[in-house]
Amino acid sequence: MQAVSSPGLTRPDSPAPTPPDGPPGPRELTLDGGEGVRLSGLLAEPEAGQAPRAVVVALHGSGMRAGYFDNRARPGLSLLELGSRLGCTVLALDRPGYGASAAALPDGQDLAGQTATLGSALADFAGRWPTGAGFFLLAHSGGGRLALSTAAADALPVPLIGLDLSGLGGAFAVPPDELPGAGAPGAWRRHWGQLRLYPPEAFREGQRLVAPVPVTEARETLSWPRMYPQLAARVRVPVRFTFAEQEQWWRSDEEAVRALLAPLAAPRAVVDRLSDAGHNISLGWAARTYHLRALAFLEECLLAHAAAPPRHQPS
């Protein structure tokens, strides 16, 4: 039987249409993280003269770099490109112990230290760039721990709008001795899932992004199931979790999801599941789908704030 193609539909591996002229592409920057630490990263802004709706702060996982969110394997897969086209500033940072801060922090920092360093860097950013409605933290895997800790600390220089987390749960799906860490990257396939979920170029690009996991960060990973409920109880902004269909590091069954949501003090918590995706969502074919959903969640958070009933001032 001959296949019939539908107008307007293309195979995932077909070249995407050339996008129209828009915002300038991402550029490198460094921010002052305090105590002599500089955080490197990538910045993408809306078109010149357009104020950002918000700043999406993207935090990579363990063993990666900020470029994880600038997937150039195929057009349309980069969060930085998409977010800036939709009117947001996107700031993808190398977390403490990675990139420019690796020399100053050869062992990395524990979560409390990372939280303080990130807070200083974002204060530096807010003093030099417009921030729109505030910061929206979009984080993957180990970066999600930092996003939750930052939200719990509630010490950012501008409002925190919400959190969007992928590749992170509250209960491990593997024995602790199989987790990735310093000098032990973990089973390669668990990071990726089936190879069909990624453009062939993604694996070559991925090699450019890989970085050693700082030893302090690696040690603290084992404590996450104990740390999570204490942090979640102090998170008071909307939170969205995404589990890839082939997520293999974290449990996402109904019991695990109930336990994940139970301690959150957030006014709204959402759990989403993404088909045809592995743990490294933003490097796969599903990257654009995930990024659009995450930015839609940002818009929902902005809408809820704009439409909130006025607060009555005490007489």
Protein backbone atom coordinates (compact mmCIF):
# COMPACT_ATOMS: atom_id res chain seq x y z
CA MET A 1 0.00 0.00 0.00
CA GLN A 2 1.46 3.36 -1.00
CA ALA A 3 1.93 5.90 1.77
CA VAL A 4 0.15 9.20 1.33
CA SER A 5 1.81 12.30 2.67
CA SER A 6 -0.22 15.02 4.33
CA PRO A 7 0.30 18.67 3.38
CA GLY A 8 2.29 20.60 5.95
CA LEU A 9 3.64 17.50 7.73
CA THR A 10 7.33 16.59 7.57
CA ARG A 11 9.41 13.75 8.92
CA PRO A 12 11.25 14.58 12.16
CA ASP A 13 14.56 14.27 10.32
CA SER A 14 13.53 16.65 7.53
CA PRO A 15 15.14 20.09 7.59
CA ALA A 16 12.97 22.59 9.44
CA PRO A 17 11.90 25.75 7.57
CA THR A 18 14.36 28.59 7.87
CA PRO A 19 13.04 30.83 10.65
CA PRO A 20 12.41 34.50 9.88
CA ASP A 21 14.79 37.15 11.09
CA GLY A 22 14.43 37.58 14.82
CA PRO A 23 16.46 38.11 17.98
CA PRO A 24 20.25 37.91 17.88
CA GLY A 25 21.70 34.51 18.67
CA PRO A 26 23.04 33.48 22.07
CA ARG A 27 26.23 35.06 23.31
CA GLU A 28 28.62 34.16 26.10
CA LEU A 29 28.76 36.07 29.37
CA THR A 30 30.11 35.78 32.91
CA LEU A 31 28.46 36.90 36.14
CA ASP A 32 29.84 37.68 39.59
CA GLY A 33 28.97 34.83 41.95
CA GLY A 34 30.74 36.44 44.92
CA GLU A 35 33.83 35.28 46.85
CA GLY A 36 35.93 35.58 43.69
CA VAL A 37 33.76 33.11 41.71
CA ARG A 38 32.64 33.88 38.15
CA LEU A 39 29.80 31.92 36.56
CA SER A 40 29.90 31.53 32.78
CA GLY A 41 26.89 31.00 30.59
CA LEU A 42 24.90 31.82 27.48
CA LEU A 43 22.45 34.69 27.06
CA ALA A 44 19.70 35.08 24.45
CA GLU A 45 17.50 38.19 24.46
CA PRO A 46 14.38 39.28 22.55
CA GLU A 47 14.64 41.60 19.58
CA ALA A 48 16.32 44.94 20.18
CA GLY A 49 14.01 47.39 21.88
CA GLN A 50 11.65 44.68 23.17
CA ALA A 51 11.40 44.37 26.94
CA PRO A 52 11.53 40.74 28.10
CA ARG A 53 8.38 39.16 29.49
CA ALA A 54 10.57 37.40 32.05
CA VAL A 55 14.02 35.84 32.41
CA VAL A 56 14.19 32.07 32.01
CA VAL A 57 17.19 30.89 34.05
CA ALA A 58 18.22 27.47 32.72
CA LEU A 59 20.28 25.19 34.99
CA HIS A 60 21.94 22.09 33.54
CA GLY A 61 22.31 18.67 35.15
CA SER A 62 25.35 16.92 36.58
CA GLY A 63 28.17 16.34 34.12
CA MET A 64 26.84 18.79 31.51
CA ARG A 65 27.28 22.48 30.61
CA ALA A 66 25.01 25.42 29.83
CA GLY A 67 25.05 24.51 26.13
CA TYR A 68 22.69 21.63 26.98
CA PHE A 69 19.89 24.16 26.48
CA ASP A 70 21.21 25.40 23.13
CA ASN A 71 20.66 22.24 21.08
CA ARG A 72 21.91 22.95 17.55
CA ALA A 73 21.63 19.40 16.22
CA ARG A 74 18.63 20.54 14.18
CA PRO A 75 16.84 23.89 13.83
CA GLY A 76 14.15 24.58 16.40
CA LEU A 77 15.51 22.48 19.28
CA SER A 78 17.32 25.25 21.20
CA LEU A 79 15.60 26.66 24.29
CA LEU A 80 17.62 29.86 23.99
CA GLU A 81 16.48 30.45 20.43
CA LEU A 82 12.84 29.59 21.12
CA GLY A 83 12.54 31.53 24.36
CA SER A 84 14.02 34.70 22.91
CA ARG A 85 11.71 34.48 19.90
CA LEU A 86 8.75 34.26 22.27
CA GLY A 87 9.76 37.44 24.06
CA CYS A 88 11.77 36.11 27.01
CA THR A 89 15.38 36.54 27.96
CA VAL A 90 16.98 33.10 28.41
CA LEU A 91 20.03 32.82 30.67
CA ALA A 92 21.67 29.37 30.65
CA LEU A 93 24.37 29.21 33.32
CA ASP A 94 27.24 26.85 34.02
CA ARG A 95 26.52 25.85 37.61
CA PRO A 96 29.20 26.33 40.31
CA GLY A 97 32.07 23.93 39.65
CA TYR A 98 31.54 23.97 35.89
CA GLY A 99 32.80 26.26 33.14
CA ALA A 100 34.52 29.44 34.30
CA SER A 101 34.13 28.56 37.99
CA ALA A 102 35.75 25.12 37.74
CA ALA A 103 39.25 26.42 38.53
CA ALA A 104 38.09 28.37 41.59
CA LEU A 105 35.85 25.52 42.76
CA PRO A 106 37.71 22.30 41.80
CA ASP A 107 35.54 20.21 44.16
CA GLY A 108 32.38 22.17 43.39
CA GLN A 109 30.01 23.28 46.16
CA ASP A 110 27.33 21.67 48.26
CA LEU A 111 23.75 22.68 47.57
CA ALA A 112 23.77 25.51 50.10
CA GLY A 113 26.94 26.92 48.56
CA GLN A 114 25.59 26.63 45.02
CA THR A 115 22.42 28.41 46.12
CA ALA A 116 24.38 31.34 47.55
CA THR A 117 26.62 31.58 44.47
CA LEU A 118 23.67 31.47 42.09
CA GLY A 119 21.86 34.13 44.12
CA SER A 120 24.86 36.45 43.85
CA ALA A 121 25.15 35.83 40.11
CA LEU A 122 21.46 36.56 39.55
CA ALA A 123 21.75 39.74 41.61
CA ASP A 124 24.61 40.79 39.32
CA PHE A 125 22.46 39.98 36.29
CA ALA A 126 19.44 41.92 37.62
CA GLY A 127 21.63 44.96 38.13
CA ARG A 128 22.74 44.97 34.49
CA TRP A 129 19.85 43.61 32.42
CA PRO A 130 16.05 44.08 32.43
CA THR A 131 14.22 41.19 34.07
CA GLY A 132 10.58 41.73 33.08
CA ALA A 133 8.20 40.02 35.50
CA GLY A 134 11.07 38.21 37.23
CA PHE A 135 12.97 34.91 37.13
CA PHE A 136 11.56 31.57 36.01
CA LEU A 137 13.89 28.66 36.84
CA LEU A 138 13.95 25.89 34.25
CA ALA A 139 16.25 23.09 35.35
CA HIS A 140 17.31 19.59 34.38
CA SER A 141 18.33 16.71 36.66
CA GLY A 142 20.96 17.93 39.15
CA GLY A 143 20.13 21.50 38.20
CA GLY A 144 16.65 20.87 39.53
CA ARG A 145 18.05 20.40 43.02
CA LEU A 146 19.59 23.86 42.80
CA ALA A 147 16.34 25.34 41.45
CA LEU A 148 14.34 23.93 44.37
CA SER A 149 16.95 25.06 46.90
CA THR A 150 16.93 28.56 45.39
CA ALA A 151 13.14 28.72 45.56
CA ALA A 152 13.20 27.53 49.17
CA ALA A 153 15.77 30.18 50.12
CA ASP A 154 13.50 32.95 48.77
CA ALA A 155 16.40 35.40 48.51
CA LEU A 156 16.41 36.45 44.85
CA PRO A 157 16.72 40.12 43.86
CA VAL A 158 13.53 40.04 41.74
CA PRO A 159 10.33 37.96 41.99
CA LEU A 160 10.51 34.22 41.34
CA ILE A 161 7.67 33.29 38.99
CA GLY A 162 7.85 29.50 39.06
CA LEU A 163 9.91 26.34 38.54
CA ASP A 164 9.95 23.90 35.64
CA LEU A 165 11.96 20.74 36.36
CA SER A 166 12.81 17.74 34.19
CA GLY A 167 14.85 14.61 34.86
CA LEU A 168 14.40 14.89 38.63
CA GLY A 169 12.26 13.03 41.14
CA GLY A 170 12.27 12.22 44.83
CA ALA A 171 13.04 8.49 44.76
CA PHE A 172 15.82 6.71 42.87
CA ALA A 173 14.94 4.05 40.33
CA VAL A 174 18.37 2.40 40.66
CA PRO A 175 20.49 1.27 43.63
CA PRO A 176 22.66 4.08 45.05
CA ASP A 177 25.89 2.43 43.90
CA GLU A 178 24.70 2.69 40.27
CA LEU A 179 24.14 6.45 40.38
CA PRO A 180 26.45 8.70 38.34
CA GLY A 181 29.03 10.66 40.27
CA ALA A 182 32.58 11.95 40.29
CA GLY A 183 34.62 9.68 38.03
CA ALA A 184 31.62 7.36 37.59
CA PRO A 185 29.27 8.64 34.88
CA GLY A 186 26.76 5.83 35.37
CA ALA A 187 25.31 3.58 32.69
CA TRP A 188 25.47 5.51 29.41
CA ARG A 189 22.12 4.23 28.17
CA ARG A 190 20.28 5.42 31.29
CA HIS A 191 21.17 9.01 30.38
CA TRP A 192 19.83 8.66 26.85
CA GLY A 193 17.31 5.85 26.44
CA GLN A 194 16.81 4.51 22.92
CA LEU A 195 19.00 6.17 20.31
CA ARG A 196 16.04 6.81 18.00
CA LEU A 197 14.92 9.54 20.42
CA TYR A 198 17.80 11.82 19.34
CA PRO A 199 19.08 13.34 16.09
CA PRO A 200 22.32 11.57 15.11
CA GLU A 201 24.22 14.82 15.59
CA ALA A 202 23.10 15.02 19.23
CA PHE A 203 25.70 12.51 20.38
CA ARG A 204 28.57 14.40 18.76
CA GLU A 205 27.23 17.66 20.24
CA GLY A 206 26.83 15.94 23.61
CA GLN A 207 30.54 15.16 23.78
CA ARG A 208 31.25 18.90 23.60
CA LEU A 209 28.98 19.52 26.60
CA VAL A 210 30.22 16.79 28.95
CA ALA A 211 32.16 17.95 32.03
CA PRO A 212 33.43 16.18 35.18
CA VAL A 213 30.98 16.05 38.08
CA PRO A 214 32.51 17.92 41.05
CA VAL A 215 33.14 15.57 43.96
CA THR A 216 31.13 17.57 46.52
CA GLU A 217 28.09 17.58 44.25
CA ALA A 218 28.44 13.86 43.57
CA ARG A 219 28.56 12.97 47.27
CA GLU A 220 25.47 15.01 48.04
CA THR A 221 23.41 13.28 45.36
CA LEU A 222 22.92 10.29 47.66
CA SER A 223 21.28 12.55 50.26
CA TRP A 224 18.68 13.99 47.90
CA PRO A 225 15.69 11.78 48.93
CA ARG A 226 16.23 12.99 52.51
CA MET A 227 16.83 16.63 51.56
CA TYR A 228 13.92 17.00 49.17
CA PRO A 229 10.97 17.09 51.63
CA GLN A 230 12.67 19.77 53.76
CA LEU A 231 13.23 22.01 50.72
CA ALA A 232 9.83 21.32 49.15
CA ALA A 233 8.07 22.48 52.31
CA ARG A 234 9.53 25.97 51.71
CA VAL A 235 8.76 26.25 47.97
CA ARG A 236 5.88 28.69 47.54
CA VAL A 237 5.77 29.22 43.77
CA PRO A 238 4.15 27.01 41.11
CA VAL A 239 6.17 23.91 40.18
CA ARG A 240 5.99 21.63 37.16
CA PHE A 241 7.81 18.27 36.93
CA THR A 242 8.35 16.47 33.62
CA PHE A 243 9.22 12.78 33.40
CA ALA A 244 10.46 11.48 30.05
CA GLU A 245 8.89 8.28 28.78
CA GLN A 246 12.28 6.57 29.09
CA GLU A 247 13.44 8.22 32.32
CA GLN A 248 15.58 5.59 34.03
CA TRP A 249 17.16 7.36 37.01
CA TRP A 250 14.00 8.36 38.90
CA ARG A 251 10.80 6.58 39.83
CA SER A 252 7.67 8.13 38.30
CA ASP A 253 4.99 5.58 39.26
CA GLU A 254 1.83 6.80 41.01
CA GLU A 255 3.14 6.10 44.49
CA ALA A 256 6.39 7.97 43.80
CA VAL A 257 4.55 10.93 42.27
CA ARG A 258 2.23 11.23 45.30
CA ALA A 259 5.27 11.24 47.59
CA LEU A 260 6.94 13.85 45.36
CA LEU A 261 4.01 16.26 45.53
CA ALA A 262 3.00 15.72 49.17
CA PRO A 263 5.58 17.97 50.91
CA LEU A 264 5.36 20.88 48.44
CA ALA A 265 4.01 24.17 49.78
CA ALA A 266 3.56 25.40 46.19
CA PRO A 267 0.18 26.94 45.30
CA ARG A 268 0.15 24.70 42.22
CA ALA A 269 2.12 21.56 41.32
CA VAL A 270 1.90 19.74 37.99
CA VAL A 271 3.40 16.46 36.82
CA ASP A 272 3.72 15.96 33.07
CA ARG A 273 4.90 12.96 31.08
CA LEU A 274 6.67 13.35 27.77
CA SER A 275 6.42 10.64 25.12
CA ASP A 276 9.31 9.72 22.83
CA ALA A 277 11.92 11.20 25.16
CA GLY A 278 14.82 9.99 27.28
CA HIS A 279 16.47 11.56 30.32
CA ASN A 280 18.39 14.13 28.24
CA ILE A 281 15.18 15.69 26.93
CA SER A 282 16.66 18.96 25.67
CA LEU A 283 19.13 17.10 23.42
CA GLY A 284 16.46 14.95 21.76
CA TRP A 285 13.73 15.21 19.15
CA ALA A 286 11.34 16.03 22.02
CA ALA A 287 13.29 19.19 22.97
CA ARG A 288 10.98 21.61 21.15
CA THR A 289 7.86 19.95 22.57
CA TYR A 290 9.25 20.14 26.10
CA HIS A 291 10.46 23.73 25.75
CA LEU A 292 7.09 24.87 24.39
CA ARG A 293 5.29 23.21 27.30
CA ALA A 294 7.69 24.75 29.81
CA LEU A 295 7.24 28.22 28.33
CA ALA A 296 3.47 27.66 28.30
CA PHE A 297 3.70 26.92 32.03
CA LEU A 298 5.57 30.21 32.45
CA GLU A 299 2.71 31.96 30.66
CA GLU A 300 0.21 30.26 32.99
CA CYS A 301 2.16 31.51 35.99
CA LEU A 302 2.17 35.04 34.56
CA LEU A 303 -1.55 34.83 33.85
CA ALA A 304 -2.36 33.66 37.38
CA HIS A 305 -0.44 36.61 38.76
CA ALA A 306 -2.08 39.15 36.43
CA ALA A 307 -5.59 37.80 37.06
CA ALA A 308 -5.24 37.42 40.83
CA PRO A 309 -7.88 39.31 42.83
CA PRO A 310 -6.60 42.50 44.47
CA ARG A 311 -5.37 42.14 48.01
CA HIS A 312 -7.29 44.13 50.59
CA GLN A 313 -5.07 46.40 52.57
CA PRO A 314 -5.62 46.19 56.33
CA SER A 315 -7.45 49.23 57.66
